[in-house]
Amino acid sequence: MTPKGKLIIIGGAVDMGSNISAQENILQPNYIKFFEQGILKRIITESAHHEGSKIEVITTASQIPELVSKEYIAAFNHLNVTHVNILDIRNREDTANKDYLKRIREADVVMFSGGDQLRLSAIFGGTEFLQILKQRYKNENFVIAGTSAGAAAASAHMIYRGSSNEALIKGHVQITAGLGFIDSVFVDTHFVQRGRIGRLLYAVASNPGILGIGLGEDAGLLITEGTMMEAIGSGLIILVDGRHMVSTNIYDVEMGAPVSIENLKVHVMSIFDKYDLSQHKLNIKKVVKIEDGVFIKVGDK
């Protein structure tokens, strides 16, 4: 069944409560770009009631939810959106809160913040809360968005662990089930900035039928009808396609040994490019201009 909702996954700009301190995150330049290049604004544009939409932000992944909450409210208020609330869910018991369930049934947008994606899968997996989100995404004009951990957890298969410098050592990349809003992709975030190409190569080699998506910071994908992906934001997106992989020794070598892979295909997407998951086809925009710091789309390939 083709989803009627929209999924927006973002590689991270200010990753509050994840890998660097709150003090280092506040008022970083990337956070300003987060509005200027249109990612948050695009969420509003794609929502049912635009600036009048009801937005619920889920801060579960973060270790500093109070600070994250204030930043998101300020960010959306900056864009004239005032119906912004926080779902302060910190454990599985919180997901059964009747008021929270009522609010996600009435929201136009639900957005997952950054932090630790394993918290998201462990807390929301198998809950009524997650089932409501999936049903609304499938059947309604409803937007689910996630940045950093919120993006990584959006897929059915989720990378949750693995250092960049040892990613191509067997056993160093860990994969588990995600929230399941989209199938047949792996999503990794802060991709360019943290050199995570090895993590994605390993994940794809372990299951070549799943497309690897590496989201740079201030980069995102708007996914409509479950298959059409449009690049948004100023950053880059790397796609790793393993369908034509010739060989790998990932299943033969011992744990702790390096892995070899032959013939993975790599694509690079930037703003306005589109990729059709059903056809595995990339459509690159012919001309992109910059006027007053804003990207302008001109023509198609």
C-alpha atoms as a PDB file:
ATOM      1  CA  MET A   1       0.000   0.000   0.000  1.00  0.00           C
ATOM      2  CA  THR A   2       1.353   3.429  -0.996  1.00  0.00           C
ATOM      3  CA  PRO A   3       1.654   5.724   2.047  1.00  0.00           C
ATOM      4  CA  LYS A   4      -0.397   8.923   1.882  1.00  0.00           C
ATOM      5  CA  GLY A   5       1.879  10.595   4.408  1.00  0.00           C
ATOM      6  CA  LYS A   6       5.313  12.143   3.985  1.00  0.00           C
ATOM      7  CA  LEU A   7       8.595  11.194   5.631  1.00  0.00           C
ATOM      8  CA  ILE A   8      11.386  13.762   6.073  1.00  0.00           C
ATOM      9  CA  ILE A   9      14.772  12.510   7.264  1.00  0.00           C
ATOM     10  CA  ILE A  10      17.577  14.953   8.104  1.00  0.00           C
ATOM     11  CA  GLY A  11      21.285  14.309   8.614  1.00  0.00           C
ATOM     12  CA  GLY A  12      21.577  16.697  11.554  1.00  0.00           C
ATOM     13  CA  ALA A  13      22.512  20.317  12.030  1.00  0.00           C
ATOM     14  CA  VAL A  14      22.573  20.957  15.747  1.00  0.00           C
ATOM     15  CA  ASP A  15      22.674  17.453  17.224  1.00  0.00           C
ATOM     16  CA  MET A  16      21.535  18.369  20.726  1.00  0.00           C
ATOM     17  CA  GLY A  17      22.353  15.756  23.337  1.00  0.00           C
ATOM     18  CA  SER A  18      24.180  13.320  21.094  1.00  0.00           C
ATOM     19  CA  ASN A  19      27.959  13.352  20.840  1.00  0.00           C
ATOM     20  CA  ILE A  20      29.022  16.852  21.835  1.00  0.00           C
ATOM     21  CA  SER A  21      28.104  19.049  24.734  1.00  0.00           C
ATOM     22  CA  ALA A  22      25.090  21.326  24.841  1.00  0.00           C
ATOM     23  CA  GLN A  23      27.351  24.346  25.312  1.00  0.00           C
ATOM     24  CA  GLU A  24      29.157  23.604  22.035  1.00  0.00           C
ATOM     25  CA  ASN A  25      25.864  23.128  20.164  1.00  0.00           C
ATOM     26  CA  ILE A  26      24.051  26.348  21.033  1.00  0.00           C
ATOM     27  CA  LEU A  27      23.934  28.920  18.222  1.00  0.00           C
ATOM     28  CA  GLN A  28      26.230  26.991  15.893  1.00  0.00           C
ATOM     29  CA  PRO A  29      26.201  28.332  12.297  1.00  0.00           C
ATOM     30  CA  ASN A  30      24.672  25.070  11.020  1.00  0.00           C
ATOM     31  CA  TYR A  31      21.666  25.700  13.222  1.00  0.00           C
ATOM     32  CA  ILE A  32      21.032  29.011  11.458  1.00  0.00           C
ATOM     33  CA  LYS A  33      21.352  27.275   8.080  1.00  0.00           C
ATOM     34  CA  PHE A  34      18.766  24.794   9.325  1.00  0.00           C
ATOM     35  CA  PHE A  35      16.101  27.431   8.637  1.00  0.00           C
ATOM     36  CA  GLU A  36      17.799  29.399   5.870  1.00  0.00           C
ATOM     37  CA  GLN A  37      18.174  26.466   3.492  1.00  0.00           C
ATOM     38  CA  GLY A  38      14.561  25.483   4.077  1.00  0.00           C
ATOM     39  CA  ILE A  39      14.567  22.145   5.892  1.00  0.00           C
ATOM     40  CA  LEU A  40      12.354  23.174   8.784  1.00  0.00           C
ATOM     41  CA  LYS A  41      10.399  25.458   6.485  1.00  0.00           C
ATOM     42  CA  ARG A  42       9.883  22.552   4.082  1.00  0.00           C
ATOM     43  CA  ILE A  43       8.407  20.495   6.919  1.00  0.00           C
ATOM     44  CA  ILE A  44       5.891  23.263   7.474  1.00  0.00           C
ATOM     45  CA  THR A  45       5.162  23.611   3.746  1.00  0.00           C
ATOM     46  CA  GLU A  46       4.486  19.887   3.416  1.00  0.00           C
ATOM     47  CA  SER A  47       2.202  19.749   6.469  1.00  0.00           C
ATOM     48  CA  ALA A  48      -1.576  19.847   6.194  1.00  0.00           C
ATOM     49  CA  HIS A  49      -2.139  23.304   7.659  1.00  0.00           C
ATOM     50  CA  HIS A  50       1.256  24.943   7.026  1.00  0.00           C
ATOM     51  CA  GLU A  51       1.971  27.620   9.690  1.00  0.00           C
ATOM     52  CA  GLY A  52      -1.247  26.620  11.466  1.00  0.00           C
ATOM     53  CA  SER A  53      -0.165  22.991  11.815  1.00  0.00           C
ATOM     54  CA  LYS A  54       0.033  21.208  15.147  1.00  0.00           C
ATOM     55  CA  ILE A  55       3.593  19.962  15.653  1.00  0.00           C
ATOM     56  CA  GLU A  56       4.670  17.467  18.310  1.00  0.00           C
ATOM     57  CA  VAL A  57       8.412  17.123  18.937  1.00  0.00           C
ATOM     58  CA  ILE A  58       9.648  13.858  20.476  1.00  0.00           C
ATOM     59  CA  THR A  59      12.881  14.366  22.442  1.00  0.00           C
ATOM     60  CA  THR A  60      13.270  10.750  23.585  1.00  0.00           C
ATOM     61  CA  ALA A  61      16.640  10.217  21.889  1.00  0.00           C
ATOM     62  CA  SER A  62      18.279  13.177  23.613  1.00  0.00           C
ATOM     63  CA  GLN A  63      20.120  13.206  26.932  1.00  0.00           C
ATOM     64  CA  ILE A  64      19.187  16.877  27.424  1.00  0.00           C
ATOM     65  CA  PRO A  65      15.493  16.996  26.424  1.00  0.00           C
ATOM     66  CA  GLU A  66      14.698  20.235  28.265  1.00  0.00           C
ATOM     67  CA  LEU A  67      17.263  22.225  26.276  1.00  0.00           C
ATOM     68  CA  VAL A  68      16.331  20.489  23.021  1.00  0.00           C
ATOM     69  CA  SER A  69      12.677  21.338  23.620  1.00  0.00           C
ATOM     70  CA  LYS A  70      13.402  25.043  23.992  1.00  0.00           C
ATOM     71  CA  GLU A  71      15.503  25.090  20.810  1.00  0.00           C
ATOM     72  CA  TYR A  72      12.831  23.401  18.705  1.00  0.00           C
ATOM     73  CA  ILE A  73      10.072  25.645  19.984  1.00  0.00           C
ATOM     74  CA  ALA A  74      12.227  28.694  19.213  1.00  0.00           C
ATOM     75  CA  ALA A  75      13.088  27.358  15.746  1.00  0.00           C
ATOM     76  CA  PHE A  76       9.482  26.781  14.732  1.00  0.00           C
ATOM     77  CA  ASN A  77       8.343  30.054  16.329  1.00  0.00           C
ATOM     78  CA  HIS A  78      10.972  31.781  14.165  1.00  0.00           C
ATOM     79  CA  LEU A  79       9.003  30.454  11.189  1.00  0.00           C
ATOM     80  CA  ASN A  80       5.670  31.689  12.591  1.00  0.00           C
ATOM     81  CA  VAL A  81       4.536  28.272  13.814  1.00  0.00           C
ATOM     82  CA  THR A  82       3.108  28.557  17.308  1.00  0.00           C
ATOM     83  CA  HIS A  83       1.283  25.237  17.800  1.00  0.00           C
ATOM     84  CA  VAL A  84       4.454  23.405  18.889  1.00  0.00           C
ATOM     85  CA  ASN A  85       4.422  20.988  21.810  1.00  0.00           C
ATOM     86  CA  ILE A  86       6.911  18.560  23.314  1.00  0.00           C
ATOM     87  CA  LEU A  87       6.277  14.874  23.989  1.00  0.00           C
ATOM     88  CA  ASP A  88       8.658  14.246  26.887  1.00  0.00           C
ATOM     89  CA  ILE A  89       8.788  10.449  26.574  1.00  0.00           C
ATOM     90  CA  ARG A  90      11.637   8.894  28.551  1.00  0.00           C
ATOM     91  CA  ASN A  91      10.573   5.245  28.933  1.00  0.00           C
ATOM     92  CA  ARG A  92       8.132   2.695  27.543  1.00  0.00           C
ATOM     93  CA  GLU A  93       5.557   3.474  30.215  1.00  0.00           C
ATOM     94  CA  ASP A  94       5.372   7.066  28.952  1.00  0.00           C
ATOM     95  CA  THR A  95       4.315   5.856  25.496  1.00  0.00           C
ATOM     96  CA  ALA A  96       0.994   4.673  26.958  1.00  0.00           C
ATOM     97  CA  ASN A  97       0.125   8.133  28.327  1.00  0.00           C
ATOM     98  CA  LYS A  98      -3.467   8.739  27.122  1.00  0.00           C
ATOM     99  CA  ASP A  99      -2.847  12.449  26.594  1.00  0.00           C
ATOM    100  CA  TYR A 100       0.202  11.711  24.438  1.00  0.00           C
ATOM    101  CA  LEU A 101      -1.761   9.194  22.343  1.00  0.00           C
ATOM    102  CA  LYS A 102      -4.525  11.751  21.854  1.00  0.00           C
ATOM    103  CA  ARG A 103      -2.030  14.400  20.786  1.00  0.00           C
ATOM    104  CA  ILE A 104      -0.346  12.259  18.112  1.00  0.00           C
ATOM    105  CA  ARG A 105      -3.785  11.393  16.726  1.00  0.00           C
ATOM    106  CA  GLU A 106      -4.461  15.122  16.328  1.00  0.00           C
ATOM    107  CA  ALA A 107      -1.013  16.344  15.213  1.00  0.00           C
ATOM    108  CA  ASP A 108      -0.173  17.346  11.655  1.00  0.00           C
ATOM    109  CA  VAL A 109       3.570  16.751  12.170  1.00  0.00           C
ATOM    110  CA  VAL A 110       5.530  14.537  14.545  1.00  0.00           C
ATOM    111  CA  MET A 111       9.275  15.186  14.674  1.00  0.00           C
ATOM    112  CA  PHE A 112      11.936  13.021  16.342  1.00  0.00           C
ATOM    113  CA  SER A 113      14.998  14.882  17.636  1.00  0.00           C
ATOM    114  CA  GLY A 114      18.619  13.728  17.594  1.00  0.00           C
ATOM    115  CA  GLY A 115      20.514  11.741  20.199  1.00  0.00           C
ATOM    116  CA  ASP A 116      20.714   7.942  20.479  1.00  0.00           C
ATOM    117  CA  GLN A 117      18.643   5.962  17.980  1.00  0.00           C
ATOM    118  CA  LEU A 118      18.762   2.818  20.115  1.00  0.00           C
ATOM    119  CA  ARG A 119      16.661   4.660  22.701  1.00  0.00           C
ATOM    120  CA  LEU A 120      14.027   5.214  20.030  1.00  0.00           C
ATOM    121  CA  SER A 121      13.808   1.595  18.906  1.00  0.00           C
ATOM    122  CA  ALA A 122      13.915   0.214  22.456  1.00  0.00           C
ATOM    123  CA  ILE A 123      11.298   2.613  23.848  1.00  0.00           C
ATOM    124  CA  PHE A 124       8.832   2.762  20.929  1.00  0.00           C
ATOM    125  CA  GLY A 125       9.167  -0.695  19.387  1.00  0.00           C
ATOM    126  CA  GLY A 126       5.923  -2.709  19.635  1.00  0.00           C
ATOM    127  CA  THR A 127       3.929   0.073  21.298  1.00  0.00           C
ATOM    128  CA  GLU A 128       0.471   1.445  20.517  1.00  0.00           C
ATOM    129  CA  PHE A 129       2.148   4.828  20.123  1.00  0.00           C
ATOM    130  CA  LEU A 130       4.278   3.608  17.200  1.00  0.00           C
ATOM    131  CA  GLN A 131       1.342   1.770  15.658  1.00  0.00           C
ATOM    132  CA  ILE A 132      -0.720   4.966  15.606  1.00  0.00           C
ATOM    133  CA  LEU A 133       2.120   6.823  13.869  1.00  0.00           C
ATOM    134  CA  LYS A 134       2.438   4.092  11.236  1.00  0.00           C
ATOM    135  CA  GLN A 135      -1.304   3.971  10.583  1.00  0.00           C
ATOM    136  CA  ARG A 136      -1.539   7.743  10.212  1.00  0.00           C
ATOM    137  CA  TYR A 137       1.514   7.802   7.934  1.00  0.00           C
ATOM    138  CA  LYS A 138      -0.040   5.151   5.690  1.00  0.00           C
ATOM    139  CA  ASN A 139      -3.566   6.555   5.569  1.00  0.00           C
ATOM    140  CA  GLU A 140      -3.468  10.337   6.076  1.00  0.00           C
ATOM    141  CA  ASN A 141      -1.807  13.581   4.964  1.00  0.00           C
ATOM    142  CA  PHE A 142       0.560  13.329   7.910  1.00  0.00           C
ATOM    143  CA  VAL A 143       4.239  14.258   8.207  1.00  0.00           C
ATOM    144  CA  ILE A 144       6.806  12.270  10.177  1.00  0.00           C
ATOM    145  CA  ALA A 145      10.193  13.971  10.414  1.00  0.00           C
ATOM    146  CA  GLY A 146      13.415  13.024  12.131  1.00  0.00           C
ATOM    147  CA  THR A 147      16.879  14.510  12.442  1.00  0.00           C
ATOM    148  CA  SER A 148      20.102  12.663  13.298  1.00  0.00           C
ATOM    149  CA  ALA A 149      19.006   9.714  15.486  1.00  0.00           C
ATOM    150  CA  GLY A 150      15.411  10.430  14.482  1.00  0.00           C
ATOM    151  CA  ALA A 151      16.393   9.900  10.840  1.00  0.00           C
ATOM    152  CA  ALA A 152      18.581   6.846  11.476  1.00  0.00           C
ATOM    153  CA  ALA A 153      15.729   5.116  13.310  1.00  0.00           C
ATOM    154  CA  ALA A 154      13.109   5.841  10.633  1.00  0.00           C
ATOM    155  CA  SER A 155      13.901   2.785   8.522  1.00  0.00           C
ATOM    156  CA  ALA A 156      13.059  -0.865   9.126  1.00  0.00           C
ATOM    157  CA  HIS A 157      16.793  -1.672   9.433  1.00  0.00           C
ATOM    158  CA  MET A 158      18.884   0.646  11.596  1.00  0.00           C
ATOM    159  CA  ILE A 159      22.623   1.151  12.105  1.00  0.00           C
ATOM    160  CA  TYR A 160      23.072   1.882  15.796  1.00  0.00           C
ATOM    161  CA  ARG A 161      26.745   1.354  16.470  1.00  0.00           C
ATOM    162  CA  GLY A 162      30.125   1.332  14.727  1.00  0.00           C
ATOM    163  CA  SER A 163      33.167   3.596  14.784  1.00  0.00           C
ATOM    164  CA  SER A 164      34.096   5.267  11.517  1.00  0.00           C
ATOM    165  CA  ASN A 165      37.735   4.142  11.489  1.00  0.00           C
ATOM    166  CA  GLU A 166      36.969   0.459  12.169  1.00  0.00           C
ATOM    167  CA  ALA A 167      33.685   0.139  10.265  1.00  0.00           C
ATOM    168  CA  LEU A 168      35.069  -2.299   7.680  1.00  0.00           C
ATOM    169  CA  ILE A 169      36.239  -4.717  10.362  1.00  0.00           C
ATOM    170  CA  LYS A 170      33.781  -7.600  10.722  1.00  0.00           C
ATOM    171  CA  GLY A 171      31.623  -7.212  13.813  1.00  0.00           C
ATOM    172  CA  HIS A 172      32.235  -3.496  14.408  1.00  0.00           C
ATOM    173  CA  VAL A 173      29.019  -2.277  12.782  1.00  0.00           C
ATOM    174  CA  GLN A 174      25.842  -3.199  14.627  1.00  0.00           C
ATOM    175  CA  ILE A 175      22.406  -3.285  12.970  1.00  0.00           C
ATOM    176  CA  THR A 176      18.987  -3.776  14.526  1.00  0.00           C
ATOM    177  CA  ALA A 177      15.338  -3.116  13.729  1.00  0.00           C
ATOM    178  CA  GLY A 178      14.288   0.538  13.479  1.00  0.00           C
ATOM    179  CA  LEU A 179      10.875   2.181  13.678  1.00  0.00           C
ATOM    180  CA  GLY A 180       9.885   0.906  10.247  1.00  0.00           C
ATOM    181  CA  PHE A 181       8.417   3.921   8.461  1.00  0.00           C
ATOM    182  CA  ILE A 182      10.319   2.966   5.302  1.00  0.00           C
ATOM    183  CA  ASP A 183      11.647  -0.379   4.063  1.00  0.00           C
ATOM    184  CA  SER A 184      14.685  -1.358   2.019  1.00  0.00           C
ATOM    185  CA  VAL A 185      17.052   1.410   3.176  1.00  0.00           C
ATOM    186  CA  PHE A 186      19.769   1.955   5.761  1.00  0.00           C
ATOM    187  CA  VAL A 187      20.095   5.562   6.956  1.00  0.00           C
ATOM    188  CA  ASP A 188      23.278   7.005   8.446  1.00  0.00           C
ATOM    189  CA  THR A 189      23.595  10.623   9.581  1.00  0.00           C
ATOM    190  CA  HIS A 190      26.305  13.291  10.090  1.00  0.00           C
ATOM    191  CA  PHE A 191      27.659  11.267   7.203  1.00  0.00           C
ATOM    192  CA  VAL A 192      30.178  13.526   5.499  1.00  0.00           C
ATOM    193  CA  GLN A 193      31.309  15.359   8.632  1.00  0.00           C
ATOM    194  CA  ARG A 194      32.039  12.175  10.625  1.00  0.00           C
ATOM    195  CA  GLY A 195      33.443  10.082   7.769  1.00  0.00           C
ATOM    196  CA  ARG A 196      30.882   7.308   8.053  1.00  0.00           C
ATOM    197  CA  ILE A 197      31.231   5.863   4.554  1.00  0.00           C
ATOM    198  CA  GLY A 198      32.709   2.637   5.945  1.00  0.00           C
ATOM    199  CA  ARG A 199      29.640   2.029   8.140  1.00  0.00           C
ATOM    200  CA  LEU A 200      27.328   2.313   5.163  1.00  0.00           C
ATOM    201  CA  LEU A 201      29.514   0.154   2.907  1.00  0.00           C
ATOM    202  CA  TYR A 202      29.549  -2.583   5.536  1.00  0.00           C
ATOM    203  CA  ALA A 203      25.791  -2.399   6.090  1.00  0.00           C
ATOM    204  CA  VAL A 204      25.056  -2.624   2.367  1.00  0.00           C
ATOM    205  CA  ALA A 205      27.540  -5.465   1.855  1.00  0.00           C
ATOM    206  CA  SER A 206      25.744  -7.393   4.590  1.00  0.00           C
ATOM    207  CA  ASN A 207      22.432  -6.992   2.730  1.00  0.00           C
ATOM    208  CA  PRO A 208      22.919  -5.738  -0.849  1.00  0.00           C
ATOM    209  CA  GLY A 209      19.186  -5.439  -1.514  1.00  0.00           C
ATOM    210  CA  ILE A 210      18.944  -2.531   0.922  1.00  0.00           C
ATOM    211  CA  LEU A 211      19.952   0.932  -0.328  1.00  0.00           C
ATOM    212  CA  GLY A 212      22.417   2.809   1.860  1.00  0.00           C
ATOM    213  CA  ILE A 213      21.585   6.484   2.487  1.00  0.00           C
ATOM    214  CA  GLY A 214      24.243   8.732   4.014  1.00  0.00           C
ATOM    215  CA  LEU A 215      22.842  12.118   5.048  1.00  0.00           C
ATOM    216  CA  GLY A 216      25.273  14.981   5.535  1.00  0.00           C
ATOM    217  CA  GLU A 217      24.555  17.732   8.036  1.00  0.00           C
ATOM    218  CA  ASP A 218      21.995  20.276   6.820  1.00  0.00           C
ATOM    219  CA  ALA A 219      20.905  17.675   4.261  1.00  0.00           C
ATOM    220  CA  GLY A 220      17.647  15.811   4.143  1.00  0.00           C
ATOM    221  CA  LEU A 221      15.279  13.758   2.040  1.00  0.00           C
ATOM    222  CA  LEU A 222      11.581  14.382   1.538  1.00  0.00           C
ATOM    223  CA  ILE A 223      10.057  10.978   0.804  1.00  0.00           C
ATOM    224  CA  THR A 224       6.608  10.857  -0.780  1.00  0.00           C
ATOM    225  CA  GLU A 225       4.514   7.807  -1.715  1.00  0.00           C
ATOM    226  CA  GLY A 226       7.106   5.728   0.137  1.00  0.00           C
ATOM    227  CA  THR A 227       9.504   5.712  -2.832  1.00  0.00           C
ATOM    228  CA  MET A 228      10.170   9.177  -4.302  1.00  0.00           C
ATOM    229  CA  MET A 229      13.053  10.902  -2.503  1.00  0.00           C
ATOM    230  CA  GLU A 230      13.847  14.589  -3.023  1.00  0.00           C
ATOM    231  CA  ALA A 231      17.026  16.140  -1.633  1.00  0.00           C
ATOM    232  CA  ILE A 232      16.471  19.206   0.556  1.00  0.00           C
ATOM    233  CA  GLY A 233      18.891  21.440   2.457  1.00  0.00           C
ATOM    234  CA  SER A 234      22.385  22.634   1.553  1.00  0.00           C
ATOM    235  CA  GLY A 235      24.316  19.443   2.383  1.00  0.00           C
ATOM    236  CA  LEU A 236      25.153  16.311   0.402  1.00  0.00           C
ATOM    237  CA  ILE A 237      23.545  12.886   0.372  1.00  0.00           C
ATOM    238  CA  ILE A 238      25.453   9.734  -0.556  1.00  0.00           C
ATOM    239  CA  LEU A 239      23.611   6.675  -1.859  1.00  0.00           C
ATOM    240  CA  VAL A 240      25.240   3.228  -1.863  1.00  0.00           C
ATOM    241  CA  ASP A 241      23.569   0.645  -4.114  1.00  0.00           C
ATOM    242  CA  GLY A 242      24.674  -2.946  -3.563  1.00  0.00           C
ATOM    243  CA  ARG A 243      22.346  -4.691  -6.011  1.00  0.00           C
ATOM    244  CA  HIS A 244      25.166  -5.223  -8.521  1.00  0.00           C
ATOM    245  CA  MET A 245      27.816  -6.179  -5.974  1.00  0.00           C
ATOM    246  CA  VAL A 246      29.978  -8.920  -7.483  1.00  0.00           C
ATOM    247  CA  SER A 247      31.503 -10.423  -4.360  1.00  0.00           C
ATOM    248  CA  THR A 248      32.456  -9.942  -0.720  1.00  0.00           C
ATOM    249  CA  ASN A 249      34.170 -12.023   1.952  1.00  0.00           C
ATOM    250  CA  ILE A 250      31.983 -10.649   4.754  1.00  0.00           C
ATOM    251  CA  TYR A 251      30.500 -14.092   5.427  1.00  0.00           C
ATOM    252  CA  ASP A 252      33.836 -15.955   5.282  1.00  0.00           C
ATOM    253  CA  VAL A 253      36.274 -13.936   7.368  1.00  0.00           C
ATOM    254  CA  GLU A 254      36.500 -14.280  11.135  1.00  0.00           C
ATOM    255  CA  MET A 255      35.195 -11.647  13.547  1.00  0.00           C
ATOM    256  CA  GLY A 256      37.733  -8.821  13.811  1.00  0.00           C
ATOM    257  CA  ALA A 257      39.116  -9.372  10.302  1.00  0.00           C
ATOM    258  CA  PRO A 258      38.903  -6.734   7.533  1.00  0.00           C
ATOM    259  CA  VAL A 259      36.179  -7.049   4.918  1.00  0.00           C
ATOM    260  CA  SER A 260      36.552  -6.827   1.121  1.00  0.00           C
ATOM    261  CA  ILE A 261      33.768  -5.743  -1.256  1.00  0.00           C
ATOM    262  CA  GLU A 262      33.716  -5.650  -5.062  1.00  0.00           C
ATOM    263  CA  ASN A 263      31.566  -3.368  -7.223  1.00  0.00           C
ATOM    264  CA  LEU A 264      29.273  -1.207  -5.112  1.00  0.00           C
ATOM    265  CA  LYS A 265      27.626   1.687  -6.954  1.00  0.00           C
ATOM    266  CA  VAL A 266      27.710   5.157  -5.354  1.00  0.00           C
ATOM    267  CA  HIS A 267      25.560   8.221  -6.167  1.00  0.00           C
ATOM    268  CA  VAL A 268      25.827  11.776  -4.802  1.00  0.00           C
ATOM    269  CA  MET A 269      22.656  13.846  -4.399  1.00  0.00           C
ATOM    270  CA  SER A 270      22.334  17.563  -3.732  1.00  0.00           C
ATOM    271  CA  ILE A 271      19.413  19.948  -3.352  1.00  0.00           C
ATOM    272  CA  PHE A 272      16.430  19.340  -5.713  1.00  0.00           C
ATOM    273  CA  ASP A 273      17.787  15.999  -7.028  1.00  0.00           C
ATOM    274  CA  LYS A 274      15.303  13.135  -6.906  1.00  0.00           C
ATOM    275  CA  TYR A 275      15.747   9.388  -6.564  1.00  0.00           C
ATOM    276  CA  ASP A 276      13.011   6.860  -7.305  1.00  0.00           C
ATOM    277  CA  LEU A 277      13.403   3.869  -4.992  1.00  0.00           C
ATOM    278  CA  SER A 278      11.037   1.754  -7.069  1.00  0.00           C
ATOM    279  CA  GLN A 279      13.027   2.297 -10.268  1.00  0.00           C
ATOM    280  CA  HIS A 280      16.478   2.919  -8.711  1.00  0.00           C
ATOM    281  CA  LYS A 281      16.738   6.018 -10.887  1.00  0.00           C
ATOM    282  CA  LEU A 282      18.490   9.291 -10.008  1.00  0.00           C
ATOM    283  CA  ASN A 283      17.214  12.513 -11.596  1.00  0.00           C
ATOM    284  CA  ILE A 284      19.800  15.294 -11.296  1.00  0.00           C
ATOM    285  CA  LYS A 285      18.660  18.895 -11.575  1.00  0.00           C
ATOM    286  CA  LYS A 286      20.374  20.610 -14.472  1.00  0.00           C
ATOM    287  CA  VAL A 287      20.911  24.061 -12.996  1.00  0.00           C
ATOM    288  CA  VAL A 288      20.812  25.320  -9.407  1.00  0.00           C
ATOM    289  CA  LYS A 289      21.385  29.021  -8.777  1.00  0.00           C
ATOM    290  CA  ILE A 290      22.035  30.852  -5.529  1.00  0.00           C
ATOM    291  CA  GLU A 291      20.242  34.159  -5.032  1.00  0.00           C
ATOM    292  CA  ASP A 292      20.557  36.039  -1.711  1.00  0.00           C
ATOM    293  CA  GLY A 293      21.796  32.858  -0.057  1.00  0.00           C
ATOM    294  CA  VAL A 294      18.800  30.807  -1.248  1.00  0.00           C
ATOM    295  CA  PHE A 295      19.013  27.916  -3.714  1.00  0.00           C
ATOM    296  CA  ILE A 296      16.830  28.297  -6.816  1.00  0.00           C
ATOM    297  CA  LYS A 297      15.893  25.342  -9.034  1.00  0.00           C
ATOM    298  CA  VAL A 298      16.216  25.936 -12.794  1.00  0.00           C
ATOM    299  CA  GLY A 299      15.271  23.196 -15.247  1.00  0.00           C
ATOM    300  CA  ASP A 300      15.417  19.408 -15.171  1.00  0.00           C
ATOM    301  CA  LYS A 301      17.748  16.832 -16.619  1.00  0.00           C
END
